[in-house]
Structure formats: C-alpha cells, structure tokens
C-alpha cells in the first residue's frame, strides 16, 4: 500500500473516531474529568484531520497539474469556477422519464457526458429494475439550467444511489459553478430524506465536494482522420504487437443483436476468469435495440471461433468502449491488440474525433495498456456523500473481504455463473 492510501485510511479512521467522541459529549457532564479528556482528544484529532486534509489537497493539486499537461480536455470542457448564474433559480427532483426537456437539454449542452443520455437510465430500469431520479435546476421562467441524475439501489447490500451506475460517468450537467454546487448540496439533502446509506457521484469536475476519490482517470485518444495517420502515430512497437496476430488469420465482424450470442460467450468466460459475476444477456440486448443509443458489437474470430469482443457506443464525436473481453487462450494470438486496432479503425470510419478507452486506476496495468495507444488521462473525481463519521463500503476487488469470493467464483463453471451472476451484479454498480 502506498503513502496516499495510508493517509486516506488514517483520515477516515480519525473522522470515525471524532464522530464517536461527539456522541459521548451528549452524555458526559461538562465539568467532569472525562469530559475534559475527551475534549482534549477531540482537539488533537481535529488538528490531525486538518493536517491530513491539507497534505492530501496539496498532493491532489500536484497530481492534477501533472495530468493537465496531457489532459484530453477538449472533449470534456472543464467547469469554470468563475462562471456563476448569480440569479434566482429553483431545484426539484423527479423521475427522469417525467422530465420532458432533459433529453433535448443534454443533446445541446457541452457539459453533458455520454451517460447523461436518458436512454441509459431507462435501460437500467428495464434491465435491473433500478429507478433513476433527476434533480433539476430551473430559472424563474422554468427553463432548465442544469441537472444531476442518480439511480437508487435497495438490496441486501444496502440502500444507496449512484450517478451513474454501471457507467464511467455521472454528475451534473451545468455550465454554472454555483448551480453545480447547489445541485450537489441538494443531492446530499436527498440522501438524508430518502434514508440512503450514501450517494456516489462519478464526476470529472473538481471542487464540488469534500475528499473526492482521484484513483481513476479516463483514457481518451484524439483520433486522426485516416487509418494511415493512426498507424504512423502509433509507432513501430505497437504496430508490431497487433500485426503478430496476422499469422493466425484473424477475422472480425461488426453488428448488433445478431452477434450477441458470440459476444456473450466470450464476455461470460472472461468475467468468470476475472472472478466477477456476469451481467444478464438482456442488459446488452436492451442497449443494442435502443434507437436512442448507437451501440454496436465487434467480434474477433480465429479459426471461426469467437475469441475477443468489444461493446461500442457511438456518441457522435466520441466513441467509447464500456466493455471488452478476450478469452485467455487467445492471448497467444495477440487477439486483444488486434481487436483494439480494428475498433479504432471503426471509430475513424464513423467520423469520431475521440475514442474513450474507459477508466483505469492511474499507473495500473490497464492504464499503461491504454496509454501505449496514445490515450491521455482525464482525471475522474468520485464524490461520496455520507453521514458524518461513516465510511463507505468498498464494493470492488480492492476490498479484502471480496478476495475469497473472487477466488471461489473463478472455480465455478461458466454455465453456472450465467445463472446466478446476474442476480448478484445487478446490485453492484
């Protein structure tokens, strides 16, 4: 574990301890010795919290300055702190399908991210049963100024909300900094009103809340206009890697539902090998048939057998790859590298200007894999809205409690994971 992780862990532990002490003050007599001892301890803890927060903020600013040197900012414009509405506005929450002007608003707003398309929220409800609400900010004439969607989960894992689950992005769509902060504050209030354990906001904007997680960055490649230009930009080392597959005569197909069986065969095998429950096949079918989402599947075949797959969504100038998989046995064919080269070629053919490889932990293996293609990091800021003194549960492979589950899942037959996996993963955002 590195130093930043230790600092974050210590900060969380101190905040919990501070919350416990605060509770003691309600029952202790102010003039008692124990009260004075707890007061002294509270001051020490508060000073340590302040010092840690200052150190973490300084470290974050340094990391951000490094990332911004190569930031793929044009596709996702930064939120200007100086651009404020400074006039009256109102906030209200509704089911996302009841907000008639949201779809048009996000289509024409530069701050809208791919996952703000209401089609995603409706597909989530259709596939998993989770409803999405939308907090709207409007001027006195009733025109939308901004909004933030959040999807509510209620299961054995707790009652919580995510903006947006299963996807790389969420957060608000708004050009005004003061309204963006107000949307976050209202979301925090709704956490209490709806009795939610926590709310997670997957944003790309800093300064909208306390202590955001900055472990992840989206890896985005600015695409050239031609394949020839891309080959030249990739360089000889990357070209040599994906061309190694040619000796095995790989082929590929691009399509929709007609390729879903082959896609799911590869995807479910890879998820089992990773120790991760697999989504139900209907999730992907619902996305492919939705006329409001331009989704496609690319399958790589070697000896007529599907060995690698990519699920692609075209958002106009940006194409993203939310899910990709390669069967382990196909690694000897260099199928994964060859697949990504075909995916980038497809993105160029569709007139896309950017390709989003998805999020990765900064400096991890997947981060470096994406960087070799020329992708640059766009920092993610994930905010967690919590009650005071509470630590968010870690529903990811980094949680030591999930290590045994992952190990056992890898031992299961694929057919069984397809049966029981969807009921588990639907509640893990």
Protein backbone atom coordinates (compact mmCIF):
# COMPACT_ATOMS: atom_id res chain seq x y z
CA UNK A 1 0.00 0.00 0.00
CA UNK A 2 1.40 3.42 -0.94
CA UNK A 3 1.56 6.51 1.24
CA UNK A 4 -1.56 8.26 -0.16
CA UNK A 5 -3.63 5.16 0.65
CA UNK A 6 -2.34 5.16 4.21
CA UNK A 7 -3.20 8.85 4.57
CA UNK A 8 -6.73 8.31 3.26
CA UNK A 9 -7.22 5.35 5.61
CA UNK A 10 -5.96 7.32 8.59
CA UNK A 11 -8.21 10.26 7.69
CA UNK A 12 -11.29 8.02 7.51
CA UNK A 13 -10.40 6.38 10.84
CA UNK A 14 -9.92 9.75 12.53
CA UNK A 15 -13.26 11.05 11.25
CA UNK A 16 -14.99 7.97 12.64
CA UNK A 17 -13.25 8.44 15.98
CA UNK A 18 -14.24 12.10 16.00
CA UNK A 19 -17.86 11.10 15.38
CA UNK A 20 -17.75 8.65 18.31
CA UNK A 21 -16.36 11.29 20.65
CA UNK A 22 -19.03 13.76 19.53
CA UNK A 23 -21.62 11.23 20.60
CA UNK A 24 -20.05 10.93 24.04
CA UNK A 25 -20.43 14.64 24.68
CA UNK A 26 -24.20 14.16 24.76
CA UNK A 27 -23.99 12.02 27.89
CA UNK A 28 -20.92 13.39 29.69
CA UNK A 29 -21.08 16.15 32.31
CA UNK A 30 -19.25 19.26 31.11
CA UNK A 31 -17.37 19.71 34.39
CA UNK A 32 -16.24 16.07 34.63
CA UNK A 33 -12.66 14.88 34.17
CA UNK A 34 -13.67 12.50 31.39
CA UNK A 35 -15.38 15.34 29.50
CA UNK A 36 -12.16 17.38 29.60
CA UNK A 37 -10.12 14.37 28.48
CA UNK A 38 -12.44 13.74 25.54
CA UNK A 39 -12.40 17.45 24.66
CA UNK A 40 -8.59 17.43 24.61
CA UNK A 41 -8.60 14.29 22.46
CA UNK A 42 -11.13 15.87 20.11
CA UNK A 43 -8.83 18.88 19.61
CA UNK A 44 -5.86 16.63 18.84
CA UNK A 45 -7.88 14.60 16.35
CA UNK A 46 -9.25 17.75 14.69
CA UNK A 47 -5.73 19.12 14.26
CA UNK A 48 -4.54 15.83 12.76
CA UNK A 49 -7.54 15.74 10.39
CA UNK A 50 -6.79 19.30 9.27
CA UNK A 51 -3.13 18.43 8.65
CA UNK A 52 -4.01 15.29 6.68
CA UNK A 53 -6.60 17.10 4.57
CA UNK A 54 -4.08 19.81 3.79
CA UNK A 55 -1.44 17.25 2.77
CA UNK A 56 -3.88 15.31 0.61
CA UNK A 57 -5.11 18.51 -1.06
CA UNK A 58 -1.53 19.52 -1.86
CA UNK A 59 -0.82 16.08 -3.27
CA UNK A 60 -4.01 16.17 -5.37
CA UNK A 61 -3.13 19.59 -6.79
CA UNK A 62 0.31 18.30 -7.74
CA UNK A 63 -1.13 15.20 -9.42
CA UNK A 64 -3.72 17.27 -11.26
CA UNK A 65 -1.08 19.68 -12.53
CA UNK A 66 0.82 16.71 -13.95
CA UNK A 67 -2.26 15.22 -15.58
CA UNK A 68 -3.41 18.54 -17.02
CA UNK A 69 -0.22 18.76 -19.06
CA UNK A 70 -1.58 15.92 -21.18
CA UNK A 71 -5.28 16.27 -20.39
CA UNK A 72 -7.68 15.29 -23.17
CA UNK A 73 -9.79 18.29 -22.20
CA UNK A 74 -11.44 19.38 -25.47
CA UNK A 75 -13.95 16.51 -25.45
CA UNK A 76 -14.94 17.25 -21.83
CA UNK A 77 -14.70 21.00 -21.10
CA UNK A 78 -13.66 21.97 -17.55
CA UNK A 79 -16.13 23.69 -15.25
CA UNK A 80 -15.17 27.33 -14.75
CA UNK A 81 -15.38 28.38 -11.08
CA UNK A 82 -15.79 31.99 -12.14
CA UNK A 83 -18.83 31.31 -14.33
CA UNK A 84 -21.78 31.71 -11.94
CA UNK A 85 -25.51 32.23 -12.52
CA UNK A 86 -25.89 34.72 -9.66
CA UNK A 87 -29.66 34.93 -10.09
CA UNK A 88 -32.64 33.13 -8.54
CA UNK A 89 -33.27 29.53 -9.51
CA UNK A 90 -35.24 26.61 -8.13
CA UNK A 91 -34.41 22.94 -7.53
CA UNK A 92 -36.80 19.99 -7.79
CA UNK A 93 -36.49 16.20 -8.08
CA UNK A 94 -38.45 13.96 -10.45
CA UNK A 95 -38.26 10.55 -12.08
CA UNK A 96 -36.05 11.07 -15.11
CA UNK A 97 -38.73 9.91 -17.57
CA UNK A 98 -41.05 12.64 -16.27
CA UNK A 99 -38.67 15.47 -17.27
CA UNK A 100 -39.67 16.13 -20.86
CA UNK A 101 -36.95 18.67 -21.69
CA UNK A 102 -33.97 16.74 -20.24
CA UNK A 103 -33.20 14.81 -23.44
CA UNK A 104 -33.06 17.96 -25.56
CA UNK A 105 -31.09 19.77 -22.85
CA UNK A 106 -28.27 17.20 -22.74
CA UNK A 107 -28.15 16.95 -26.54
CA UNK A 108 -27.19 20.61 -26.78
CA UNK A 109 -25.14 21.12 -23.61
CA UNK A 110 -21.35 20.94 -23.87
CA UNK A 111 -21.12 19.66 -20.28
CA UNK A 112 -23.29 16.60 -20.91
CA UNK A 113 -21.41 13.30 -20.78
CA UNK A 114 -22.45 10.16 -22.70
CA UNK A 115 -24.17 8.61 -19.67
CA UNK A 116 -26.43 11.66 -19.25
CA UNK A 117 -28.47 10.45 -22.22
CA UNK A 118 -31.76 9.43 -20.53
CA UNK A 119 -31.78 6.27 -22.63
CA UNK A 120 -29.14 4.84 -20.27
CA UNK A 121 -31.30 5.43 -17.20
CA UNK A 122 -34.33 3.86 -18.87
CA UNK A 123 -32.27 0.85 -19.98
CA UNK A 124 -31.02 0.43 -16.40
CA UNK A 125 -34.59 0.39 -15.09
CA UNK A 126 -35.73 -2.01 -17.81
CA UNK A 127 -32.79 -4.38 -17.25
CA UNK A 128 -32.27 -4.20 -13.48
CA UNK A 129 -35.35 -2.53 -12.01
CA UNK A 130 -33.46 0.43 -10.51
CA UNK A 131 -35.23 3.77 -10.93
CA UNK A 132 -33.37 6.99 -11.74
CA UNK A 133 -34.33 10.39 -10.40
CA UNK A 134 -33.22 13.76 -11.70
CA UNK A 135 -32.64 16.95 -9.71
CA UNK A 136 -33.45 19.89 -11.98
CA UNK A 137 -32.32 23.49 -11.65
CA UNK A 138 -34.59 25.99 -13.42
CA UNK A 139 -34.75 29.74 -13.80
CA UNK A 140 -37.87 31.68 -12.88
CA UNK A 141 -39.24 31.15 -16.39
CA UNK A 142 -38.98 27.38 -15.90
CA UNK A 143 -36.09 26.79 -18.31
CA UNK A 144 -33.55 24.09 -17.40
CA UNK A 145 -30.21 25.43 -16.21
CA UNK A 146 -28.76 22.10 -15.11
CA UNK A 147 -29.47 18.73 -13.59
CA UNK A 148 -27.96 15.68 -11.92
CA UNK A 149 -29.34 12.13 -12.32
CA UNK A 150 -28.99 9.48 -9.62
CA UNK A 151 -30.09 5.84 -9.59
CA UNK A 152 -31.35 4.29 -6.34
CA UNK A 153 -30.37 0.77 -5.23
CA UNK A 154 -32.19 -1.11 -2.46
CA UNK A 155 -30.93 -4.63 -1.72
CA UNK A 156 -29.13 -6.74 0.87
CA UNK A 157 -26.06 -4.61 0.16
CA UNK A 158 -27.88 -1.54 1.47
CA UNK A 159 -29.86 1.39 0.18
CA UNK A 160 -27.72 3.82 -1.78
CA UNK A 161 -27.60 5.82 -5.01
CA UNK A 162 -25.07 6.28 -7.80
CA UNK A 163 -24.73 8.88 -10.52
CA UNK A 164 -24.43 6.91 -12.83
CA UNK A 165 -24.16 3.16 -12.11
CA UNK A 166 -22.51 0.59 -14.43
CA UNK A 167 -21.05 3.50 -16.44
CA UNK A 168 -17.89 5.60 -16.35
CA UNK A 169 -19.54 8.95 -15.78
CA UNK A 170 -22.27 10.75 -13.87
CA UNK A 171 -22.61 14.01 -12.01
CA UNK A 172 -24.29 17.22 -13.07
CA UNK A 173 -24.83 18.80 -16.45
CA UNK A 174 -24.43 22.52 -15.92
CA UNK A 175 -22.20 25.34 -17.11
CA UNK A 176 -22.65 27.41 -13.92
CA UNK A 177 -20.44 26.62 -10.95
CA UNK A 178 -22.80 27.97 -8.27
CA UNK A 179 -25.70 25.90 -9.60
CA UNK A 180 -23.47 22.82 -9.83
CA UNK A 181 -22.59 23.18 -6.14
CA UNK A 182 -26.26 23.72 -5.28
CA UNK A 183 -27.18 20.50 -7.15
CA UNK A 184 -24.59 18.56 -5.14
CA UNK A 185 -25.86 20.07 -1.87
CA UNK A 186 -29.46 19.19 -2.76
CA UNK A 187 -28.37 15.64 -3.57
CA UNK A 188 -26.77 15.44 -0.13
CA UNK A 189 -30.06 16.56 1.44
CA UNK A 190 -31.96 13.95 -0.55
CA UNK A 191 -29.60 11.29 0.78
CA UNK A 192 -30.99 12.05 4.23
CA UNK A 193 -34.60 12.43 3.10
CA UNK A 194 -34.54 9.10 1.22
CA UNK A 195 -32.68 7.33 4.06
CA UNK A 196 -29.80 6.36 1.76
CA UNK A 197 -26.59 4.95 3.22
CA UNK A 198 -24.55 7.00 0.76
CA UNK A 199 -24.57 8.58 -2.70
CA UNK A 200 -21.68 8.17 -5.14
CA UNK A 201 -21.19 10.79 -7.86
CA UNK A 202 -18.90 9.85 -10.74
CA UNK A 203 -17.80 13.28 -11.88
CA UNK A 204 -14.92 14.68 -13.91
CA UNK A 205 -15.03 18.08 -12.17
CA UNK A 206 -13.05 19.07 -9.04
CA UNK A 207 -14.13 21.35 -6.17
CA UNK A 208 -17.73 20.13 -5.94
CA UNK A 209 -17.40 18.34 -2.60
CA UNK A 210 -15.04 17.07 0.07
CA UNK A 211 -12.29 14.50 -0.39
CA UNK A 212 -13.17 13.06 -3.83
CA UNK A 213 -11.50 9.83 -4.90
CA UNK A 214 -8.96 10.51 -7.63
CA UNK A 215 -7.70 6.97 -8.12
CA UNK A 216 -9.21 6.72 -11.60
CA UNK A 217 -8.72 8.55 -14.88
CA UNK A 218 -10.49 8.13 -18.20
CA UNK A 219 -8.11 7.36 -21.05
CA UNK A 220 -9.03 9.29 -24.18
CA UNK A 221 -7.41 9.23 -27.61
CA UNK A 222 -7.79 12.06 -30.09
CA UNK A 223 -8.34 10.27 -33.39
CA UNK A 224 -6.74 11.30 -36.69
CA UNK A 225 -8.84 11.48 -39.84
CA UNK A 226 -7.35 8.40 -41.52
CA UNK A 227 -6.10 4.93 -40.62
CA UNK A 228 -2.79 5.71 -42.27
CA UNK A 229 -2.27 8.67 -39.93
CA UNK A 230 -3.20 6.49 -36.93
CA UNK A 231 -0.69 3.79 -37.90
CA UNK A 232 2.01 6.42 -38.17
CA UNK A 233 1.08 7.92 -34.80
CA UNK A 234 1.00 4.54 -33.03
CA UNK A 235 4.64 3.82 -33.83
CA UNK A 236 6.53 0.67 -34.73
CA UNK A 237 6.32 -1.01 -31.30
CA UNK A 238 2.51 -1.02 -31.14
CA UNK A 239 2.20 -1.87 -34.83
CA UNK A 240 4.47 -4.89 -34.33
CA UNK A 241 2.30 -6.13 -31.44
CA UNK A 242 -1.02 -6.13 -33.25
CA UNK A 243 0.47 -7.37 -36.53
CA UNK A 244 1.69 -10.51 -34.76
CA UNK A 245 -1.91 -11.70 -34.92
CA UNK A 246 -1.87 -11.74 -38.74
CA UNK A 247 -0.11 -15.11 -38.88
CA UNK A 248 -3.23 -16.64 -37.28
CA UNK A 249 -5.54 -15.08 -39.92
CA UNK A 250 -7.97 -13.37 -37.54
CA UNK A 251 -11.27 -12.02 -38.85
CA UNK A 252 -13.82 -9.68 -37.36
CA UNK A 253 -17.48 -8.80 -37.66
CA UNK A 254 -19.34 -5.67 -36.58
CA UNK A 255 -23.05 -5.81 -35.90
CA UNK A 256 -25.79 -5.72 -33.30
CA UNK A 257 -28.12 -8.36 -31.84
CA UNK A 258 -27.13 -10.93 -34.47
CA UNK A 259 -23.67 -11.07 -32.84
CA UNK A 260 -24.90 -11.06 -29.25
CA UNK A 261 -24.54 -14.83 -28.76
CA UNK A 262 -20.86 -14.76 -29.72
CA UNK A 263 -20.28 -11.61 -27.65
CA UNK A 264 -21.84 -13.12 -24.54
CA UNK A 265 -19.91 -16.37 -24.96
CA UNK A 266 -16.58 -14.51 -24.82
CA UNK A 267 -17.70 -11.96 -22.24
CA UNK A 268 -19.10 -14.50 -19.76
CA UNK A 269 -15.97 -16.66 -19.97
CA UNK A 270 -13.73 -13.67 -19.31
CA UNK A 271 -15.84 -12.44 -16.40
CA UNK A 272 -15.65 -15.89 -14.80
CA UNK A 273 -11.87 -15.91 -15.23
CA UNK A 274 -11.69 -12.48 -13.54
CA UNK A 275 -13.85 -13.69 -10.65
CA UNK A 276 -16.62 -11.22 -11.49
CA UNK A 277 -20.35 -12.01 -11.77
CA UNK A 278 -21.61 -11.52 -15.31
CA UNK A 279 -24.46 -9.25 -16.41
CA UNK A 280 -27.60 -10.83 -17.83
CA UNK A 281 -27.56 -11.03 -21.61
CA UNK A 282 -30.74 -8.90 -21.71
CA UNK A 283 -28.76 -5.88 -20.47
CA UNK A 284 -26.73 -5.87 -23.67
CA UNK A 285 -29.74 -6.70 -25.82
CA UNK A 286 -31.68 -3.76 -24.39
CA UNK A 287 -28.81 -1.41 -25.22
CA UNK A 288 -28.35 -2.75 -28.75
CA UNK A 289 -32.01 -2.38 -29.73
CA UNK A 290 -32.49 1.07 -28.20
CA UNK A 291 -32.88 3.56 -31.05
CA UNK A 292 -31.60 6.34 -28.76
CA UNK A 293 -28.25 4.59 -28.26
CA UNK A 294 -25.94 3.91 -31.19
CA UNK A 295 -24.45 0.67 -29.82
CA UNK A 296 -22.54 -1.98 -31.78
CA UNK A 297 -20.59 -5.18 -31.15
CA UNK A 298 -17.23 -6.10 -32.67
CA UNK A 299 -16.21 -9.79 -32.52
CA UNK A 300 -12.79 -11.22 -33.40
CA UNK A 301 -12.68 -14.79 -34.74
CA UNK A 302 -9.74 -17.15 -35.03
CA UNK A 303 -10.41 -20.42 -36.85
CA UNK A 304 -14.10 -19.45 -36.98
CA UNK A 305 -14.32 -19.28 -33.18
CA UNK A 306 -15.06 -16.04 -31.27
CA UNK A 307 -12.06 -15.14 -29.10
CA UNK A 308 -12.38 -11.41 -28.37
CA UNK A 309 -15.23 -8.91 -28.22
CA UNK A 310 -15.92 -5.22 -27.76
CA UNK A 311 -19.16 -3.41 -26.93
CA UNK A 312 -19.06 0.05 -28.54
CA UNK A 313 -21.28 3.09 -28.18
CA UNK A 314 -21.04 5.98 -30.65
CA UNK A 315 -21.92 9.40 -29.21
CA UNK A 316 -21.19 11.42 -32.34
CA UNK A 317 -17.71 12.85 -32.00
CA UNK A 318 -16.87 10.33 -29.26
CA UNK A 319 -16.91 6.53 -29.31
CA UNK A 320 -16.49 4.63 -26.04
CA UNK A 321 -15.90 1.00 -25.17
CA UNK A 322 -17.74 0.25 -21.91
CA UNK A 323 -16.98 -3.49 -22.07
CA UNK A 324 -14.33 -5.62 -23.79
CA UNK A 325 -13.13 -9.16 -23.25
CA UNK A 326 -10.66 -11.69 -24.61
CA UNK A 327 -10.56 -15.41 -23.86
CA UNK A 328 -7.34 -16.34 -22.07
CA UNK A 329 -6.43 -18.99 -24.62
CA UNK A 330 -6.45 -16.31 -27.32
CA UNK A 331 -3.64 -14.33 -25.74
CA UNK A 332 -1.16 -16.38 -27.80
CA UNK A 333 -2.82 -14.96 -30.93
CA UNK A 334 -2.36 -11.34 -29.81
CA UNK A 335 -6.11 -11.12 -30.35
CA UNK A 336 -6.65 -8.30 -27.85
CA UNK A 337 -4.19 -5.91 -29.51
CA UNK A 338 -5.53 -6.79 -32.95
CA UNK A 339 -9.10 -6.20 -31.78
CA UNK A 340 -8.34 -2.74 -30.43
CA UNK A 341 -6.74 -1.79 -33.74
CA UNK A 342 -9.92 -2.80 -35.58
CA UNK A 343 -12.03 -0.90 -33.04
CA UNK A 344 -10.05 2.31 -33.62
CA UNK A 345 -10.38 1.83 -37.37
CA UNK A 346 -14.15 1.50 -36.95
CA UNK A 347 -14.28 4.68 -34.84
CA UNK A 348 -12.43 6.61 -37.56
CA UNK A 349 -14.75 5.23 -40.24
CA UNK A 350 -17.72 6.54 -38.22
CA UNK A 351 -16.28 10.05 -38.20
CA UNK A 352 -15.45 10.07 -34.49
CA UNK A 353 -12.87 12.56 -33.27
CA UNK A 354 -12.17 10.87 -29.91
CA UNK A 355 -12.05 7.34 -28.56
CA UNK A 356 -12.70 6.72 -24.87
CA UNK A 357 -10.87 3.60 -23.66
CA UNK A 358 -12.68 3.82 -20.31
CA UNK A 359 -11.42 4.46 -16.80
CA UNK A 360 -8.35 2.91 -15.20
CA UNK A 361 -6.52 3.20 -11.92
CA UNK A 362 -3.72 5.67 -12.55
CA UNK A 363 -0.43 3.91 -13.41
CA UNK A 364 -2.03 0.43 -13.22
CA UNK A 365 -1.55 -2.15 -15.96
CA UNK A 366 -4.71 -1.21 -17.88
CA UNK A 367 -3.73 2.48 -17.64
CA UNK A 368 -0.38 1.71 -19.29
CA UNK A 369 -2.02 -0.54 -21.89
CA UNK A 370 -4.30 2.31 -22.98
CA UNK A 371 -1.52 4.88 -22.86
CA UNK A 372 0.56 2.93 -25.39
CA UNK A 373 -2.19 3.64 -27.95
CA UNK A 374 -1.67 7.36 -27.40
CA UNK A 375 -4.57 7.86 -24.98
CA UNK A 376 -4.21 10.63 -22.43
CA UNK A 377 -5.73 10.79 -18.92
CA UNK A 378 -8.79 12.80 -17.98
CA UNK A 379 -8.95 12.86 -14.19
CA UNK A 380 -12.06 11.39 -12.54
CA UNK A 381 -13.43 12.90 -9.31
CA UNK A 382 -15.71 10.48 -7.49
CA UNK A 383 -17.56 12.08 -4.60
CA UNK A 384 -19.21 10.08 -1.83
CA UNK A 385 -21.96 11.79 0.16
CA UNK A 386 -22.10 10.17 3.60
CA UNK A 387 -23.38 10.80 7.12
CA UNK A 388 -20.70 12.19 9.43
CA UNK A 389 -18.33 9.56 10.79
CA UNK A 390 -19.39 6.82 8.34
CA UNK A 391 -17.07 5.07 5.89
CA UNK A 392 -18.41 3.96 2.52
CA UNK A 393 -18.34 0.19 1.94
CA UNK A 394 -15.94 -0.85 -0.79
CA UNK A 395 -17.90 -2.85 -3.40
CA UNK A 396 -14.86 -3.58 -5.56
CA UNK A 397 -12.00 -6.11 -5.85
CA UNK A 398 -9.78 -3.94 -3.60
CA UNK A 399 -11.94 -4.94 -0.63
CA UNK A 400 -10.12 -7.78 1.21
CA UNK A 401 -13.50 -9.29 2.17
CA UNK A 402 -14.20 -9.93 -1.53
CA UNK A 403 -10.91 -11.74 -2.20
CA UNK A 404 -12.30 -15.13 -1.16
CA UNK A 405 -15.47 -14.58 -3.20
CA UNK A 406 -13.41 -13.77 -6.29
CA UNK A 407 -11.21 -16.84 -5.78
CA UNK A 408 -14.22 -19.16 -5.44
CA UNK A 409 -16.03 -17.56 -8.39
CA UNK A 410 -13.10 -18.35 -10.67
CA UNK A 411 -13.57 -22.05 -9.86
CA UNK A 412 -17.21 -22.14 -10.97
CA UNK A 413 -18.32 -23.48 -14.37
CA UNK A 414 -19.29 -20.71 -16.79
CA UNK A 415 -22.82 -22.05 -17.26
CA UNK A 416 -23.47 -21.69 -13.53
CA UNK A 417 -22.11 -18.12 -13.40
CA UNK A 418 -24.58 -17.17 -16.15
CA UNK A 419 -27.44 -18.36 -13.95
CA UNK A 420 -26.53 -16.84 -10.58
CA UNK A 421 -24.25 -13.99 -11.67
CA UNK A 422 -26.91 -11.57 -12.98
CA UNK A 423 -28.84 -11.51 -9.67
CA UNK A 424 -25.63 -10.50 -7.87
CA UNK A 425 -24.10 -8.00 -10.29
CA UNK A 426 -27.37 -6.07 -10.74
CA UNK A 427 -26.85 -4.65 -7.24
CA UNK A 428 -23.14 -3.83 -7.70
CA UNK A 429 -22.91 -0.52 -9.60
